[in-house]
Amino acid sequence: MTNENHIGFERKLRELVDTSKIKDILSLIPSSVILPMFYKGDTAFNKQLNRDIVITKNGWKNGEHIYYFINDDDEVYDYESNFKF
């Protein structure tokens, strides 16, 4: 059974490690852990800007994941709810 909180992490793992080990790795993470959907270097669609952006880093603020990116030469952030999955 796939934990929806781990979908982004699983996608990133598939880029980095042998796919036969992914289920073993994911089984180590408690289902109560909420992982980000996007990671550094990912391209994501920002609904407010109505365009794709490249994530420079991620964090946590006000109970929600935030994603930093470059907009008009400044590093800014937006909340996960403002991104399209």
Protein backbone atom coordinates (compact mmCIF):
# COMPACT_ATOMS: atom_id res chain seq x y z
CA MET A 1 0.00 0.00 0.00
CA THR A 2 1.38 3.40 -1.01
CA ASN A 3 1.45 6.14 1.60
CA GLU A 4 0.41 9.41 -0.08
CA ASN A 5 2.84 11.30 2.18
CA HIS A 6 5.74 9.45 0.56
CA ILE A 7 4.88 9.83 -3.15
CA GLY A 8 7.39 12.64 -3.82
CA PHE A 9 10.10 10.91 -1.81
CA GLU A 10 9.51 7.64 -3.67
CA ARG A 11 9.74 9.46 -7.02
CA LYS A 12 13.07 11.00 -5.99
CA LEU A 13 14.38 7.65 -4.71
CA ARG A 14 13.65 6.06 -8.10
CA GLU A 15 16.03 8.62 -9.64
CA LEU A 16 18.81 7.83 -7.16
CA VAL A 17 18.84 4.18 -6.06
CA ASP A 18 18.32 0.63 -7.26
CA THR A 19 14.55 0.19 -7.65
CA SER A 20 14.64 -3.20 -5.90
CA LYS A 21 15.52 -1.43 -2.63
CA ILE A 22 12.81 1.27 -2.69
CA LYS A 23 10.10 -0.71 -0.89
CA ASP A 24 12.59 -1.63 1.85
CA ILE A 25 13.62 2.00 2.29
CA LEU A 26 10.02 3.27 2.37
CA SER A 27 9.06 0.63 4.94
CA LEU A 28 11.51 2.27 7.38
CA ILE A 29 9.60 5.57 7.34
CA PRO A 30 6.62 5.77 9.71
CA SER A 31 3.32 6.61 8.03
CA SER A 32 2.95 9.60 10.34
CA VAL A 33 5.98 11.31 8.75
CA ILE A 34 4.90 13.88 6.16
CA LEU A 35 7.54 14.24 3.46
CA PRO A 36 7.67 17.01 0.84
CA MET A 37 6.30 16.40 -2.64
CA PHE A 38 9.17 18.23 -4.39
CA TYR A 39 12.91 18.32 -3.78
CA LYS A 40 15.86 20.50 -4.79
CA GLY A 41 16.24 20.49 -8.58
CA ASP A 42 12.66 19.37 -9.29
CA THR A 43 10.56 21.34 -11.75
CA ALA A 44 7.07 22.12 -10.46
CA PHE A 45 4.11 24.13 -11.72
CA ASN A 46 3.26 27.11 -9.49
CA LYS A 47 -0.44 27.95 -9.73
CA GLN A 48 -0.06 31.57 -8.63
CA LEU A 49 2.69 32.35 -11.15
CA ASN A 50 1.05 30.08 -13.75
CA ARG A 51 4.40 28.64 -14.84
CA ASP A 52 6.99 26.00 -14.11
CA ILE A 53 9.71 26.83 -11.61
CA VAL A 54 12.80 24.96 -10.39
CA ILE A 55 12.94 24.19 -6.67
CA THR A 56 16.14 25.47 -5.01
CA LYS A 57 15.35 24.11 -1.52
CA ASN A 58 12.41 23.15 0.65
CA GLY A 59 11.34 23.78 4.22
CA TRP A 60 8.42 23.87 6.65
CA LYS A 61 6.38 26.91 7.72
CA ASN A 62 2.98 27.30 9.40
CA GLY A 63 2.31 23.55 9.25
CA GLU A 64 2.95 23.19 5.52
CA HIS A 65 5.89 22.43 3.25
CA ILE A 66 7.33 25.44 1.46
CA TYR A 67 9.46 25.49 -1.67
CA TYR A 68 12.08 28.09 -2.52
CA PHE A 69 12.75 29.14 -6.11
CA ILE A 70 14.18 32.04 -8.10
CA ASN A 71 11.68 34.65 -9.28
CA ASP A 72 12.89 37.91 -10.86
CA ASP A 73 16.45 37.28 -9.59
CA ASP A 74 15.28 36.86 -5.98
CA GLU A 75 14.93 33.63 -4.03
CA VAL A 76 11.32 33.45 -2.82
CA TYR A 77 9.13 30.70 -1.43
CA ASP A 78 5.58 29.49 -1.79
CA TYR A 79 3.45 26.95 0.04
CA GLU A 80 2.94 23.41 -1.23
CA SER A 81 -0.78 24.06 -1.70
CA ASN A 82 0.13 26.54 -4.46
CA PHE A 83 1.80 23.87 -6.58
CA LYS A 84 0.19 21.47 -9.00
CA PHE A 85 1.06 17.80 -8.59
